[in-house]
Amino acid sequence: MTSFVGVVPEQKMRVEIEKHSMTPQGLAWVEKNRASGMDRDDLDFLVSQGMASRTYKEVNHNVILNGGLDFIAESVLEVLGIGTVTPVVDGMALGTGGTPAAGADTGLQTPITDSFNVFATGFPVAGPLSHELQYQTFWGANDPPGGPFTIVEVAILVAIESNQEAVSRITSGLNVTKTSSDTLTIKITWSIGTPA
């Protein structure tokens, strides 16, 4: 990866966390009707029927890592035909380490085993503002296995092999307990500077 660290000041991002806690009836409905996966409409239906509850939290002021700045610069160079982005980020992973995020971080401090999931279908996408980019990942019930987990860090990563290819890491204000009956959706919005 070409290093462009220091070209852009440390950038920030916004994180939206949505947790759905399922009742036993909700879990039974999911097992019967959506064993192959759930979507947004399913979650809204479960909440409307009292088979799940929804908790929403927004966290700001987290860090796009030096590796993320490299990724952004390489993406621009690729569009200009000057290079290629290697490697491509494709998902998020969860962790329990609470040391504040810093630009030099390369991965999660304390990754949760088997917590890497690829981005939701259609992500990443352009954000609502011209200088934003959004990433979203979903974790279903009992995903990752072995919970409950108190999640205090999340990272956007290349397919997690060594946990050393993170482009952003979130810790500030993130404190979500996920049990085996909860689902979790995390959307991260990168704001790259501010338009003039």
Protein backbone atom coordinates (compact mmCIF):
# COMPACT_ATOMS: atom_id res chain seq x y z
CA MET A 1 0.00 0.00 0.00
CA THR A 2 1.36 3.43 -0.93
CA SER A 3 1.72 5.64 2.14
CA PHE A 4 0.13 9.08 2.06
CA VAL A 5 0.06 9.57 5.83
CA GLY A 6 0.16 13.19 6.86
CA VAL A 7 -1.19 14.55 3.56
CA VAL A 8 -4.65 14.96 5.09
CA PRO A 9 -5.28 15.89 8.74
CA GLU A 10 -6.86 13.21 10.94
CA GLN A 11 -10.43 12.78 9.70
CA LYS A 12 -13.50 11.95 11.74
CA MET A 13 -16.58 9.86 11.18
CA ARG A 14 -20.09 9.29 12.50
CA VAL A 15 -21.30 5.84 13.56
CA GLU A 16 -24.93 4.76 13.84
CA ILE A 17 -25.60 1.63 15.90
CA GLU A 18 -28.95 -0.10 15.82
CA LYS A 19 -29.63 -3.12 18.03
CA HIS A 20 -32.77 -5.26 17.85
CA SER A 21 -33.45 -7.47 20.88
CA MET A 22 -35.66 -10.42 19.97
CA THR A 23 -38.30 -11.99 22.17
CA PRO A 24 -38.58 -15.81 22.12
CA GLN A 25 -41.51 -15.37 19.70
CA GLY A 26 -39.35 -13.17 17.48
CA LEU A 27 -36.54 -15.74 17.43
CA ALA A 28 -39.08 -18.47 16.55
CA TRP A 29 -40.48 -16.31 13.72
CA VAL A 30 -37.00 -15.69 12.33
CA GLU A 31 -36.10 -19.39 12.53
CA LYS A 32 -39.33 -20.37 10.75
CA ASN A 33 -39.52 -17.60 8.14
CA ARG A 34 -36.02 -16.19 7.59
CA ALA A 35 -33.48 -18.92 8.28
CA SER A 36 -31.47 -17.73 5.26
CA GLY A 37 -31.26 -14.12 6.44
CA MET A 38 -33.21 -11.04 7.41
CA ASP A 39 -33.62 -7.58 5.93
CA ARG A 40 -34.72 -4.16 7.17
CA ASP A 41 -38.42 -4.87 6.52
CA ASP A 42 -38.24 -8.04 8.65
CA LEU A 43 -36.76 -6.10 11.58
CA ASP A 44 -39.40 -3.37 11.28
CA PHE A 45 -42.14 -6.03 11.17
CA LEU A 46 -40.82 -7.75 14.31
CA VAL A 47 -40.73 -4.43 16.19
CA SER A 48 -44.27 -3.53 15.02
CA GLN A 49 -45.54 -6.92 16.26
CA GLY A 50 -43.84 -6.62 19.66
CA MET A 51 -41.46 -9.50 18.85
CA ALA A 52 -38.38 -7.25 19.02
CA SER A 53 -37.33 -3.94 20.51
CA ARG A 54 -35.04 -1.40 18.85
CA THR A 55 -32.21 0.58 20.46
CA TYR A 56 -30.47 3.31 18.48
CA LYS A 57 -27.25 5.13 19.31
CA GLU A 58 -25.15 7.63 17.37
CA VAL A 59 -21.45 8.08 18.08
CA ASN A 60 -19.22 10.84 16.68
CA HIS A 61 -15.54 11.76 16.66
CA ASN A 62 -13.84 8.51 15.77
CA VAL A 63 -10.80 8.03 13.57
CA ILE A 64 -10.13 7.19 9.95
CA LEU A 65 -6.76 5.49 10.41
CA ASN A 66 -3.57 6.16 8.48
CA GLY A 67 -4.39 3.01 6.48
CA GLY A 68 -7.74 4.61 5.62
CA LEU A 69 -6.05 7.77 4.37
CA ASP A 70 -3.83 5.55 2.21
CA PHE A 71 -6.97 3.77 0.95
CA ILE A 72 -8.61 7.11 0.03
CA ALA A 73 -5.50 8.37 -1.76
CA GLU A 74 -5.06 5.09 -3.66
CA SER A 75 -8.73 5.17 -4.67
CA VAL A 76 -8.27 8.62 -6.19
CA LEU A 77 -5.11 7.49 -8.00
CA GLU A 78 -6.95 4.44 -9.36
CA VAL A 79 -9.72 6.65 -10.76
CA LEU A 80 -7.03 8.73 -12.45
CA GLY A 81 -5.50 5.58 -13.94
CA ILE A 82 -2.27 5.95 -11.95
CA GLY A 83 -2.53 2.93 -9.63
CA THR A 84 -4.76 0.38 -7.98
CA VAL A 85 -6.26 0.00 -4.52
CA THR A 86 -4.69 -2.94 -2.74
CA PRO A 87 -6.25 -4.43 -0.75
CA VAL A 88 -9.96 -3.66 -1.02
CA VAL A 89 -11.91 -3.24 2.22
CA ASP A 90 -14.99 -5.43 2.38
CA GLY A 91 -16.44 -5.63 5.90
CA MET A 92 -16.34 -4.86 9.62
CA ALA A 93 -15.31 -6.70 12.76
CA LEU A 94 -16.12 -6.17 16.43
CA GLY A 95 -13.88 -6.00 19.47
CA THR A 96 -13.73 -5.48 23.21
CA GLY A 97 -10.60 -3.28 23.53
CA GLY A 98 -11.28 0.19 24.87
CA THR A 99 -8.03 2.04 24.20
CA PRO A 100 -9.00 5.22 22.28
CA ALA A 101 -8.58 5.01 18.51
CA ALA A 102 -5.43 6.60 17.08
CA GLY A 103 -4.34 7.22 13.51
CA ALA A 104 -1.49 4.70 13.70
CA ASP A 105 -3.81 1.80 14.71
CA THR A 106 -3.72 -1.09 12.24
CA GLY A 107 -6.57 -3.25 13.58
CA LEU A 108 -8.81 -4.00 16.53
CA GLN A 109 -7.17 -3.96 19.95
CA THR A 110 -9.07 -7.07 21.13
CA PRO A 111 -11.01 -8.69 18.25
CA ILE A 112 -14.02 -10.90 18.96
CA THR A 113 -13.50 -14.28 17.26
CA ASP A 114 -15.63 -14.81 14.13
CA SER A 115 -17.07 -11.28 14.26
CA PHE A 116 -15.94 -10.23 10.76
CA ASN A 117 -18.93 -9.80 8.43
CA VAL A 118 -18.92 -8.40 4.90
CA PHE A 119 -20.69 -5.14 4.11
CA ALA A 120 -24.46 -5.24 3.62
CA THR A 121 -25.65 -5.55 0.03
CA GLY A 122 -25.22 -2.27 -1.83
CA PHE A 123 -22.56 -0.85 0.53
CA PRO A 124 -20.37 1.17 0.49
CA VAL A 125 -22.45 4.02 -0.95
CA ALA A 126 -22.16 7.77 -1.31
CA GLY A 127 -23.41 9.54 1.80
CA PRO A 128 -26.15 12.15 1.95
CA LEU A 129 -23.54 14.91 1.50
CA SER A 130 -21.13 15.08 -1.44
CA HIS A 131 -18.06 14.54 0.76
CA GLU A 132 -19.40 11.48 2.62
CA LEU A 133 -19.06 7.73 2.14
CA GLN A 134 -21.14 5.16 4.07
CA TYR A 135 -20.38 1.57 5.07
CA GLN A 136 -22.91 -0.77 6.73
CA THR A 137 -22.68 -4.28 8.19
CA PHE A 138 -25.27 -6.55 9.85
CA TRP A 139 -24.82 -9.19 12.57
CA GLY A 140 -27.74 -11.59 13.12
CA ALA A 141 -28.80 -13.46 16.24
CA ASN A 142 -25.95 -15.56 17.68
CA ASP A 143 -23.51 -13.74 15.39
CA PRO A 144 -20.75 -13.78 16.51
CA PRO A 145 -21.26 -17.01 18.44
CA GLY A 146 -20.46 -17.34 22.12
CA GLY A 147 -21.94 -14.06 23.43
CA PRO A 148 -22.93 -12.00 25.22
CA PHE A 149 -20.27 -9.47 24.24
CA THR A 150 -19.80 -5.90 25.37
CA ILE A 151 -18.68 -4.31 22.12
CA VAL A 152 -16.48 -1.25 22.60
CA GLU A 153 -14.66 -1.16 19.26
CA VAL A 154 -15.48 -1.79 15.60
CA ALA A 155 -13.21 -1.56 12.57
CA ILE A 156 -13.62 -1.43 8.81
CA LEU A 157 -11.24 -4.06 7.46
CA VAL A 158 -10.00 -6.06 4.55
CA ALA A 159 -11.32 -9.65 4.91
CA ILE A 160 -9.96 -10.40 8.35
CA GLU A 161 -7.00 -12.70 8.20
CA SER A 162 -4.58 -11.07 10.59
CA ASN A 163 -6.61 -8.06 11.85
CA GLN A 164 -3.87 -5.81 10.52
CA GLU A 165 -5.63 -4.20 7.56
CA ALA A 166 -8.01 -1.72 9.23
CA VAL A 167 -8.89 1.58 7.57
CA SER A 168 -10.94 2.96 10.47
CA ARG A 169 -11.48 2.09 14.12
CA ILE A 170 -14.26 3.27 16.39
CA THR A 171 -14.03 3.35 20.19
CA SER A 172 -15.27 6.71 21.46
CA GLY A 173 -18.76 6.36 22.96
CA LEU A 174 -19.25 2.82 21.67
CA ASN A 175 -20.52 0.51 24.40
CA VAL A 176 -23.15 -1.99 23.24
CA THR A 177 -23.93 -5.35 24.81
CA LYS A 178 -25.01 -7.91 22.22
CA THR A 179 -26.61 -11.13 23.44
CA SER A 180 -27.24 -14.21 21.31
CA SER A 181 -30.83 -13.06 20.67
CA ASP A 182 -29.87 -9.56 19.44
CA THR A 183 -29.19 -8.36 15.92
CA LEU A 184 -26.86 -5.46 15.28
CA THR A 185 -26.54 -3.03 12.37
CA ILE A 186 -23.63 -0.60 12.28
CA LYS A 187 -23.43 2.19 9.70
CA ILE A 188 -20.25 4.24 9.51
CA THR A 189 -20.22 7.54 7.62
CA TRP A 190 -16.85 8.94 6.64
CA SER A 191 -16.73 12.71 6.20
CA ILE A 192 -13.73 13.59 4.08
CA GLY A 193 -13.08 17.24 4.82
CA THR A 194 -15.82 19.81 4.41
CA PRO A 195 -16.92 21.26 1.11
CA ALA A 196 -15.97 24.91 0.53
